[in-house]
Amino acid sequence: MPQGTFQSTYKLIDMKIVRIIEDTDSLLSVFNEDEKVSELRSVFYKWNDVQRLYEFFKENKKDLKGLSIDTVIERTIEDAEQLEQLIKETARSGSDNLQTIFKALSPSAYGLKTYQKEKAYGTVRKSWLRIYAIRIHENLYVITGGAIKLTRTMQERSHTNDELVRINAVRNHLKSLGFNEDDVKDLEIEL
């Protein structure tokens, strides 16, 4: 199983990739060793934790454009539930369907490339939820994390900039390993 280390802004991390859905090889995730879950599961746990959301939105109140914290918490939880269901159902359905959810992270990225940095948006209009991934092949994605993005660019806030650092580090690491669709069969399934 391809593993190794990469430097994040916080510490040296052993990177492990896991399959997220049994009998489906199209959706993988970096495994969060600290939390003992995949990054995808970790993101959805956080987006359903009312206290954590309250603290986050309180800290970022100036980015809410006049919306109340209660409103954005409710909207976040509903959107997260729909997005999680969409991603998992689409991955289970096979074919090239994940390409309909994930889009290039950079608007200047044209075409579908190996090791392309991608993002998926929440399902509600003007959603601030983002899931970040590396596209390995036509219908093979490695989730690197996710964030609530309330600003125009990722560099404007530390939590989204951290996700940008992470997606770049994971991409570089996967490229250095030559990670491809043949490596998936050897990966563990997240339980």
Protein backbone atom coordinates (compact mmCIF):
# COMPACT_ATOMS: atom_id res chain seq x y z
CA MET A 1 0.00 0.00 0.00
CA PRO A 2 1.47 3.39 -0.95
CA GLN A 3 2.34 5.29 2.18
CA GLY A 4 4.92 7.82 3.19
CA THR A 5 5.24 11.21 4.78
CA PHE A 6 4.72 14.77 3.74
CA GLN A 7 5.27 18.08 5.47
CA SER A 8 2.13 20.00 6.42
CA THR A 9 2.00 23.37 8.10
CA TYR A 10 1.62 21.61 11.47
CA LYS A 11 3.71 18.49 11.64
CA LEU A 12 5.12 15.57 9.76
CA ILE A 13 2.25 13.23 8.93
CA ASP A 14 2.25 9.59 7.88
CA MET A 15 -0.16 9.48 4.98
CA LYS A 16 -2.42 6.51 4.56
CA ILE A 17 -5.06 6.22 1.84
CA VAL A 18 -8.23 4.19 2.48
CA ARG A 19 -11.24 3.10 0.47
CA ILE A 20 -14.36 4.80 1.80
CA ILE A 21 -17.12 2.62 0.42
CA GLU A 22 -16.96 -1.16 0.38
CA ASP A 23 -17.09 -2.67 -3.14
CA THR A 24 -16.41 0.73 -4.68
CA ASP A 25 -12.95 1.74 -5.80
CA SER A 26 -13.75 5.20 -7.16
CA LEU A 27 -13.68 7.17 -3.91
CA LEU A 28 -10.69 7.10 -1.59
CA SER A 29 -9.60 9.35 1.25
CA VAL A 30 -6.56 10.34 3.20
CA PHE A 31 -6.88 8.73 6.62
CA ASN A 32 -6.72 11.13 9.57
CA GLU A 33 -4.51 9.32 12.08
CA ASP A 34 -5.29 11.78 14.89
CA GLU A 35 -9.04 11.22 14.63
CA LYS A 36 -8.81 7.60 13.39
CA VAL A 37 -11.23 8.27 10.51
CA SER A 38 -10.98 9.26 6.87
CA GLU A 39 -10.73 12.95 6.06
CA LEU A 40 -14.14 12.67 4.37
CA ARG A 41 -15.77 11.27 7.50
CA SER A 42 -13.94 13.83 9.67
CA VAL A 43 -15.26 16.72 7.59
CA PHE A 44 -18.86 15.54 7.82
CA TYR A 45 -18.54 14.95 11.58
CA LYS A 46 -17.37 18.55 11.97
CA TRP A 47 -20.15 19.89 9.75
CA ASN A 48 -22.74 18.17 11.94
CA ASP A 49 -21.31 19.31 15.29
CA VAL A 50 -23.50 22.24 16.38
CA GLN A 51 -21.06 23.47 19.04
CA ARG A 52 -18.09 23.37 16.66
CA LEU A 53 -20.13 25.18 13.98
CA TYR A 54 -21.25 27.80 16.49
CA GLU A 55 -17.64 28.53 17.49
CA PHE A 56 -16.51 28.63 13.85
CA PHE A 57 -19.26 31.00 12.70
CA LYS A 58 -18.86 33.18 15.77
CA GLU A 59 -15.15 33.52 14.97
CA ASN A 60 -15.94 34.27 11.29
CA LYS A 61 -19.07 36.41 11.84
CA LYS A 62 -17.77 39.21 9.62
CA ASP A 63 -17.88 36.81 6.64
CA LEU A 64 -21.55 35.88 7.15
CA LYS A 65 -22.93 38.92 5.28
CA GLY A 66 -25.61 39.63 7.86
CA LEU A 67 -26.91 36.08 8.24
CA SER A 68 -27.52 34.89 11.79
CA ILE A 69 -25.34 32.19 13.28
CA ASP A 70 -28.41 30.00 13.90
CA THR A 71 -29.39 30.30 10.23
CA VAL A 72 -25.95 29.37 8.90
CA ILE A 73 -25.61 26.44 11.31
CA GLU A 74 -28.94 25.02 10.18
CA ARG A 75 -28.08 25.57 6.53
CA THR A 76 -24.64 23.98 6.97
CA ILE A 77 -26.02 20.83 8.60
CA GLU A 78 -28.70 20.39 5.92
CA ASP A 79 -26.25 21.04 3.10
CA ALA A 80 -23.67 18.66 4.60
CA GLU A 81 -26.22 15.87 4.85
CA GLN A 82 -27.24 16.30 1.21
CA LEU A 83 -23.65 16.59 -0.01
CA GLU A 84 -22.53 13.46 1.84
CA GLN A 85 -25.45 11.49 0.42
CA LEU A 86 -24.77 12.79 -3.10
CA ILE A 87 -21.08 11.94 -3.02
CA LYS A 88 -21.61 8.43 -1.65
CA GLU A 89 -24.53 7.57 -3.94
CA THR A 90 -22.65 8.89 -6.97
CA ALA A 91 -19.54 6.88 -6.09
CA ARG A 92 -21.63 3.71 -5.68
CA SER A 93 -23.33 4.20 -9.04
CA GLY A 94 -20.06 3.71 -10.93
CA SER A 95 -19.18 4.93 -14.43
CA ASP A 96 -17.76 8.45 -14.67
CA ASN A 97 -20.36 10.06 -12.42
CA LEU A 98 -17.96 11.59 -9.86
CA GLN A 99 -16.77 13.90 -12.63
CA THR A 100 -20.19 15.56 -12.47
CA ILE A 101 -19.63 16.51 -8.82
CA PHE A 102 -15.94 17.42 -8.74
CA LYS A 103 -14.63 20.44 -10.64
CA ALA A 104 -11.10 21.77 -11.12
CA LEU A 105 -9.90 23.73 -8.10
CA SER A 106 -8.40 26.38 -10.33
CA PRO A 107 -10.57 27.99 -12.99
CA SER A 108 -7.53 28.04 -15.28
CA ALA A 109 -7.24 24.22 -15.27
CA TYR A 110 -8.67 22.92 -18.54
CA GLY A 111 -9.49 19.32 -19.29
CA LEU A 112 -9.22 16.31 -17.03
CA LYS A 113 -5.69 15.57 -15.90
CA THR A 114 -4.09 12.99 -13.66
CA TYR A 115 -3.35 14.36 -10.17
CA GLN A 116 -5.61 17.34 -10.81
CA LYS A 117 -6.71 19.29 -7.72
CA GLU A 118 -10.51 19.34 -7.54
CA LYS A 119 -13.38 20.51 -5.36
CA ALA A 120 -17.00 19.59 -4.84
CA TYR A 121 -19.54 22.14 -3.70
CA GLY A 122 -22.42 21.69 -1.32
CA THR A 123 -25.80 21.21 -2.94
CA VAL A 124 -27.64 24.36 -1.83
CA ARG A 125 -27.45 27.56 -3.85
CA LYS A 126 -24.29 29.54 -3.02
CA SER A 127 -23.03 26.78 -0.76
CA TRP A 128 -19.92 27.49 1.30
CA LEU A 129 -19.14 23.78 1.80
CA ARG A 130 -16.16 22.39 -0.09
CA ILE A 131 -14.72 18.89 -0.34
CA TYR A 132 -11.20 18.84 -1.79
CA ALA A 133 -9.78 15.91 -3.74
CA ILE A 134 -7.09 14.77 -6.14
CA ARG A 135 -8.36 13.26 -9.38
CA ILE A 136 -6.22 10.19 -10.12
CA HIS A 137 -8.14 8.81 -13.08
CA GLU A 138 -11.48 9.29 -14.87
CA ASN A 139 -13.55 8.10 -11.92
CA LEU A 140 -10.98 7.83 -9.12
CA TYR A 141 -10.67 10.55 -6.50
CA VAL A 142 -8.69 10.83 -3.26
CA ILE A 143 -10.38 13.12 -0.74
CA THR A 144 -7.84 15.35 1.03
CA GLY A 145 -10.21 17.32 3.29
CA GLY A 146 -12.90 19.94 3.28
CA ALA A 147 -13.72 23.41 4.55
CA ILE A 148 -16.37 26.03 4.99
CA LYS A 149 -15.29 28.68 2.49
CA LEU A 150 -16.86 32.07 3.20
CA THR A 151 -14.38 34.20 1.24
CA ARG A 152 -13.58 34.60 -2.45
CA THR A 153 -10.16 32.91 -2.27
CA MET A 154 -8.74 30.14 -0.12
CA GLN A 155 -5.74 32.28 0.85
CA GLU A 156 -7.93 34.84 2.69
CA ARG A 157 -8.50 32.66 5.78
CA SER A 158 -6.12 30.33 7.57
CA HIS A 159 -8.51 27.34 7.66
CA THR A 160 -9.00 27.34 3.87
CA ASN A 161 -5.34 28.13 3.23
CA ASP A 162 -4.47 25.07 5.34
CA GLU A 163 -6.66 22.97 3.01
CA LEU A 164 -4.80 24.41 0.02
CA VAL A 165 -1.47 23.46 1.61
CA ARG A 166 -2.81 19.97 2.32
CA ILE A 167 -4.19 19.34 -1.18
CA ASN A 168 -0.86 20.44 -2.68
CA ALA A 169 1.11 18.22 -0.30
CA VAL A 170 -1.09 15.17 -0.94
CA ARG A 171 -0.95 15.75 -4.69
CA ASN A 172 2.85 16.01 -4.66
CA HIS A 173 3.13 12.91 -2.49
CA LEU A 174 0.80 10.82 -4.69
CA LYS A 175 2.70 11.95 -7.79
CA SER A 176 6.04 11.03 -6.20
CA LEU A 177 4.68 7.52 -5.50
CA GLY A 178 3.21 7.17 -8.98
CA PHE A 179 -0.09 6.31 -7.29
CA ASN A 180 -2.66 5.08 -9.83
CA GLU A 181 -5.80 2.99 -10.20
CA ASP A 182 -3.81 -0.25 -9.92
CA ASP A 183 -2.89 0.61 -6.31
CA VAL A 184 -6.52 0.73 -5.15
CA LYS A 185 -7.01 -3.03 -4.82
CA ASP A 186 -4.41 -3.15 -2.03
CA LEU A 187 -6.01 -0.43 0.11
CA GLU A 188 -7.86 -1.05 3.37
CA ILE A 189 -11.54 -0.19 3.67
CA GLU A 190 -12.45 2.33 6.35
CA LEU A 191 -14.72 0.64 8.85
